[in-house]
Amino acid sequence: MISSTFILMAGNPQDPNAGIINLVFLGAIFLVFYFFIIRPQSKAQKEIREKVENMKKGDKIVTSSGIIGVLHTIDEDSVLVEVGSNVKIRFLKSAISDVNPNKSK
């Protein structure tokens, strides 16, 4: 019973177009993954990277751990973030997940 199911799934082995159709189908699946998953994710990462490169003192940030604060000082690979009155925490720039979320002045 199981072997006959696999034979039916394989298609007609004497059909010369069977292999080409399978390759086209696999290519279509790859294109769907690229345009709906890979490309949007890489665009979002690029936007975050640009925001982190262009941030300045006083910008509101969110870290990957969910801490929200205001930038106090910016070093080469880290930042000092004020999270409360006179409470400052140092983070790596790679831990910043968003800059200026809903900033209110």
N, C-alpha and C. Protein backbone atom coordinates (compact mmCIF):
# COMPACT_ATOMS: atom_id res chain seq x y z
N MET A 1 0.83 -1.20 0.00
CA MET A 1 0.00 0.00 0.00
C MET A 1 0.87 1.26 0.00
N ILE A 2 1.90 1.29 0.85
CA ILE A 2 2.74 2.47 0.95
C ILE A 2 3.57 2.65 -0.32
N SER A 3 4.11 1.58 -0.86
CA SER A 3 4.94 1.70 -2.06
C SER A 3 4.12 2.18 -3.24
N SER A 4 2.86 1.79 -3.34
CA SER A 4 2.03 2.26 -4.45
C SER A 4 1.74 3.76 -4.31
N THR A 5 1.67 4.26 -3.06
CA THR A 5 1.46 5.69 -2.84
C THR A 5 2.65 6.49 -3.35
N PHE A 6 3.86 6.03 -3.07
CA PHE A 6 5.06 6.72 -3.54
C PHE A 6 5.17 6.68 -5.05
N ILE A 7 4.76 5.59 -5.65
CA ILE A 7 4.82 5.50 -7.10
C ILE A 7 3.84 6.49 -7.72
N LEU A 8 2.66 6.64 -7.11
CA LEU A 8 1.69 7.60 -7.63
C LEU A 8 2.18 9.03 -7.47
N MET A 9 2.90 9.32 -6.39
CA MET A 9 3.40 10.66 -6.16
C MET A 9 4.53 11.01 -7.13
N ALA A 10 5.26 10.02 -7.57
CA ALA A 10 6.40 10.26 -8.45
C ALA A 10 5.97 10.67 -9.85
N GLY A 11 4.79 10.35 -10.25
CA GLY A 11 4.33 10.70 -11.59
C GLY A 11 4.73 9.62 -12.57
N ASN A 12 4.52 9.89 -13.82
CA ASN A 12 4.84 8.93 -14.87
C ASN A 12 6.32 9.01 -15.20
N PRO A 13 7.08 7.94 -14.95
CA PRO A 13 8.53 7.99 -15.21
C PRO A 13 8.87 8.09 -16.69
N GLN A 14 7.94 7.81 -17.56
CA GLN A 14 8.23 7.87 -19.00
C GLN A 14 7.91 9.25 -19.57
N ASP A 15 7.34 10.14 -18.77
CA ASP A 15 7.04 11.50 -19.22
C ASP A 15 8.32 12.33 -19.16
N PRO A 16 8.81 12.85 -20.28
CA PRO A 16 10.08 13.60 -20.27
C PRO A 16 9.97 14.95 -19.55
N ASN A 17 8.78 15.46 -19.34
CA ASN A 17 8.61 16.76 -18.69
C ASN A 17 8.44 16.66 -17.18
N ALA A 18 8.41 15.46 -16.63
CA ALA A 18 8.15 15.30 -15.20
C ALA A 18 9.25 15.96 -14.36
N GLY A 19 10.50 15.80 -14.72
CA GLY A 19 11.60 16.39 -13.96
C GLY A 19 11.62 17.90 -14.06
N ILE A 20 11.31 18.42 -15.22
CA ILE A 20 11.30 19.87 -15.43
C ILE A 20 10.18 20.52 -14.61
N ILE A 21 9.03 19.88 -14.57
CA ILE A 21 7.91 20.41 -13.80
C ILE A 21 8.28 20.46 -12.32
N ASN A 22 8.93 19.43 -11.82
CA ASN A 22 9.37 19.42 -10.42
C ASN A 22 10.36 20.54 -10.14
N LEU A 23 11.29 20.78 -11.04
CA LEU A 23 12.26 21.86 -10.86
C LEU A 23 11.59 23.23 -10.89
N VAL A 24 10.63 23.41 -11.77
CA VAL A 24 9.89 24.68 -11.83
C VAL A 24 9.12 24.89 -10.53
N PHE A 25 8.51 23.84 -10.02
CA PHE A 25 7.76 23.94 -8.77
C PHE A 25 8.69 24.30 -7.60
N LEU A 26 9.86 23.67 -7.52
CA LEU A 26 10.82 24.00 -6.46
C LEU A 26 11.32 25.44 -6.61
N GLY A 27 11.54 25.88 -7.83
CA GLY A 27 11.95 27.26 -8.05
C GLY A 27 10.88 28.25 -7.62
N ALA A 28 9.62 27.92 -7.89
CA ALA A 28 8.51 28.78 -7.47
C ALA A 28 8.43 28.86 -5.95
N ILE A 29 8.65 27.76 -5.27
CA ILE A 29 8.64 27.76 -3.80
C ILE A 29 9.76 28.65 -3.28
N PHE A 30 10.95 28.56 -3.87
CA PHE A 30 12.06 29.41 -3.45
C PHE A 30 11.74 30.89 -3.65
N LEU A 31 11.13 31.25 -4.79
CA LEU A 31 10.77 32.64 -5.03
C LEU A 31 9.75 33.15 -4.02
N VAL A 32 8.78 32.31 -3.65
CA VAL A 32 7.80 32.71 -2.65
C VAL A 32 8.48 32.97 -1.31
N PHE A 33 9.38 32.08 -0.90
CA PHE A 33 10.11 32.28 0.35
C PHE A 33 10.94 33.55 0.29
N TYR A 34 11.59 33.80 -0.84
CA TYR A 34 12.44 34.98 -0.95
C TYR A 34 11.62 36.26 -0.83
N PHE A 35 10.53 36.38 -1.59
CA PHE A 35 9.78 37.63 -1.63
C PHE A 35 8.89 37.85 -0.41
N PHE A 36 8.48 36.79 0.28
CA PHE A 36 7.60 36.96 1.43
C PHE A 36 8.28 36.81 2.78
N ILE A 37 9.48 36.25 2.82
CA ILE A 37 10.15 36.05 4.11
C ILE A 37 11.53 36.69 4.14
N ILE A 38 12.40 36.32 3.26
CA ILE A 38 13.80 36.74 3.32
C ILE A 38 13.96 38.22 3.00
N ARG A 39 13.37 38.69 1.91
CA ARG A 39 13.54 40.08 1.49
C ARG A 39 12.98 41.09 2.50
N PRO A 40 11.74 40.91 3.00
CA PRO A 40 11.25 41.88 3.99
C PRO A 40 12.07 41.92 5.27
N GLN A 41 12.56 40.75 5.70
CA GLN A 41 13.36 40.71 6.91
C GLN A 41 14.69 41.42 6.71
N SER A 42 15.32 41.25 5.59
CA SER A 42 16.60 41.92 5.34
C SER A 42 16.40 43.43 5.19
N LYS A 43 15.26 43.86 4.62
CA LYS A 43 14.98 45.30 4.53
C LYS A 43 14.79 45.90 5.91
N ALA A 44 14.09 45.19 6.80
CA ALA A 44 13.88 45.69 8.16
C ALA A 44 15.20 45.79 8.91
N GLN A 45 16.07 44.79 8.77
CA GLN A 45 17.38 44.84 9.42
C GLN A 45 18.21 46.00 8.90
N LYS A 46 18.13 46.28 7.61
CA LYS A 46 18.88 47.39 7.03
C LYS A 46 18.38 48.73 7.58
N GLU A 47 17.06 48.88 7.73
CA GLU A 47 16.50 50.11 8.28
C GLU A 47 16.95 50.33 9.72
N ILE A 48 16.94 49.28 10.52
CA ILE A 48 17.37 49.39 11.92
C ILE A 48 18.85 49.76 11.97
N ARG A 49 19.66 49.13 11.13
CA ARG A 49 21.10 49.43 11.09
C ARG A 49 21.33 50.90 10.74
N GLU A 50 20.56 51.43 9.77
CA GLU A 50 20.71 52.84 9.41
C GLU A 50 20.27 53.76 10.54
N LYS A 51 19.19 53.40 11.24
CA LYS A 51 18.74 54.21 12.37
C LYS A 51 19.79 54.25 13.47
N VAL A 52 20.42 53.11 13.75
CA VAL A 52 21.44 53.05 14.80
C VAL A 52 22.66 53.88 14.40
N GLU A 53 23.03 53.84 13.13
CA GLU A 53 24.19 54.63 12.68
C GLU A 53 23.91 56.14 12.75
N ASN A 54 22.66 56.54 12.57
CA ASN A 54 22.32 57.96 12.52
C ASN A 54 21.74 58.51 13.82
N MET A 55 21.75 57.73 14.90
CA MET A 55 21.15 58.22 16.16
C MET A 55 22.06 59.27 16.80
N LYS A 56 21.43 60.13 17.61
CA LYS A 56 22.17 61.20 18.26
C LYS A 56 21.68 61.35 19.69
N LYS A 57 22.39 62.13 20.45
CA LYS A 57 22.05 62.34 21.86
C LYS A 57 20.62 62.88 21.97
N GLY A 58 19.85 62.32 22.89
CA GLY A 58 18.48 62.74 23.11
C GLY A 58 17.45 61.88 22.40
N ASP A 59 17.90 61.00 21.50
CA ASP A 59 16.97 60.10 20.82
C ASP A 59 16.43 59.06 21.79
N LYS A 60 15.18 58.69 21.59
CA LYS A 60 14.56 57.65 22.40
C LYS A 60 14.84 56.31 21.71
N ILE A 61 15.26 55.30 22.49
CA ILE A 61 15.60 54.00 21.91
C ILE A 61 14.89 52.88 22.67
N VAL A 62 14.82 51.73 22.00
CA VAL A 62 14.34 50.50 22.61
C VAL A 62 15.42 49.45 22.38
N THR A 63 15.77 48.72 23.44
CA THR A 63 16.78 47.67 23.31
C THR A 63 16.10 46.35 23.00
N SER A 64 16.89 45.37 22.62
CA SER A 64 16.33 44.05 22.30
C SER A 64 15.73 43.37 23.52
N SER A 65 16.11 43.80 24.72
CA SER A 65 15.53 43.24 25.94
C SER A 65 14.28 43.99 26.38
N GLY A 66 13.90 45.04 25.64
CA GLY A 66 12.68 45.77 25.93
C GLY A 66 12.84 46.99 26.81
N ILE A 67 14.06 47.40 27.08
CA ILE A 67 14.29 48.58 27.90
C ILE A 67 14.18 49.83 27.03
N ILE A 68 13.39 50.79 27.49
CA ILE A 68 13.19 52.04 26.76
C ILE A 68 13.92 53.15 27.52
N GLY A 69 14.66 53.96 26.78
CA GLY A 69 15.39 55.04 27.41
C GLY A 69 15.79 56.10 26.41
N VAL A 70 16.48 57.11 26.92
CA VAL A 70 16.94 58.23 26.11
C VAL A 70 18.47 58.18 26.06
N LEU A 71 19.02 58.36 24.86
CA LEU A 71 20.47 58.33 24.70
C LEU A 71 21.12 59.49 25.45
N HIS A 72 22.16 59.16 26.20
CA HIS A 72 22.90 60.18 26.93
C HIS A 72 24.23 60.44 26.25
N THR A 73 25.01 59.37 26.03
CA THR A 73 26.27 59.50 25.29
C THR A 73 26.41 58.33 24.33
N ILE A 74 27.14 58.56 23.23
CA ILE A 74 27.35 57.54 22.20
C ILE A 74 28.85 57.34 22.04
N ASP A 75 29.31 56.11 22.23
CA ASP A 75 30.70 55.75 21.99
C ASP A 75 30.79 54.98 20.68
N GLU A 76 31.97 54.44 20.38
CA GLU A 76 32.16 53.75 19.10
C GLU A 76 31.30 52.49 19.00
N ASP A 77 31.27 51.67 20.05
CA ASP A 77 30.49 50.43 19.98
C ASP A 77 29.46 50.29 21.09
N SER A 78 29.31 51.31 21.92
CA SER A 78 28.33 51.24 23.01
C SER A 78 27.67 52.61 23.20
N VAL A 79 26.58 52.59 23.95
CA VAL A 79 25.85 53.82 24.25
C VAL A 79 25.49 53.85 25.73
N LEU A 80 25.34 55.04 26.27
CA LEU A 80 24.88 55.21 27.64
C LEU A 80 23.45 55.72 27.56
N VAL A 81 22.52 54.96 28.17
CA VAL A 81 21.10 55.24 28.05
C VAL A 81 20.55 55.61 29.42
N GLU A 82 19.81 56.71 29.46
CA GLU A 82 19.16 57.11 30.70
C GLU A 82 17.76 56.49 30.70
N VAL A 83 17.51 55.61 31.67
CA VAL A 83 16.23 54.90 31.74
C VAL A 83 15.30 55.46 32.81
N GLY A 84 15.81 56.31 33.67
CA GLY A 84 15.02 56.94 34.72
C GLY A 84 15.75 58.17 35.19
N SER A 85 15.25 58.81 36.23
CA SER A 85 15.94 59.98 36.73
C SER A 85 17.24 59.54 37.40
N ASN A 86 18.36 59.98 36.83
CA ASN A 86 19.70 59.65 37.29
C ASN A 86 20.01 58.16 37.28
N VAL A 87 19.37 57.40 36.41
CA VAL A 87 19.66 55.97 36.24
C VAL A 87 20.13 55.79 34.81
N LYS A 88 21.41 55.41 34.66
CA LYS A 88 21.99 55.24 33.33
C LYS A 88 22.54 53.83 33.20
N ILE A 89 22.33 53.24 32.01
CA ILE A 89 22.81 51.89 31.71
C ILE A 89 23.59 51.94 30.41
N ARG A 90 24.71 51.20 30.36
CA ARG A 90 25.50 51.13 29.14
C ARG A 90 25.09 49.88 28.35
N PHE A 91 24.83 50.06 27.05
CA PHE A 91 24.44 48.98 26.15
C PHE A 91 25.37 48.97 24.95
N LEU A 92 25.52 47.79 24.34
CA LEU A 92 26.18 47.71 23.05
C LEU A 92 25.22 48.22 21.99
N LYS A 93 25.76 48.80 20.93
CA LYS A 93 24.90 49.29 19.85
C LYS A 93 24.13 48.15 19.20
N SER A 94 24.69 46.96 19.22
CA SER A 94 24.01 45.82 18.60
C SER A 94 22.76 45.40 19.37
N ALA A 95 22.59 45.88 20.63
CA ALA A 95 21.42 45.54 21.42
C ALA A 95 20.25 46.48 21.16
N ILE A 96 20.44 47.51 20.34
CA ILE A 96 19.37 48.47 20.07
C ILE A 96 18.50 47.93 18.95
N SER A 97 17.19 47.85 19.22
CA SER A 97 16.28 47.30 18.22
C SER A 97 15.41 48.36 17.56
N ASP A 98 15.32 49.57 18.11
CA ASP A 98 14.56 50.64 17.48
C ASP A 98 15.03 51.99 18.01
N VAL A 99 14.96 53.00 17.17
CA VAL A 99 15.34 54.35 17.54
C VAL A 99 14.15 55.27 17.27
N ASN A 100 13.87 56.17 18.23
CA ASN A 100 12.77 57.15 18.17
C ASN A 100 11.38 56.52 18.08
N PRO A 101 11.07 55.50 18.86
CA PRO A 101 9.70 54.97 18.79
C PRO A 101 8.73 55.88 19.55
N ASN A 102 7.78 56.43 18.83
CA ASN A 102 6.73 57.28 19.43
C ASN A 102 7.32 58.39 20.29
N LYS A 103 8.35 59.06 19.79
CA LYS A 103 9.00 60.11 20.56
C LYS A 103 8.05 61.29 20.71
N SER A 104 7.85 61.71 21.95
CA SER A 104 6.97 62.86 22.18
C SER A 104 7.79 63.99 22.78
N LYS A 105 7.63 65.17 22.23
CA LYS A 105 8.37 66.34 22.73
C LYS A 105 7.45 67.27 23.43
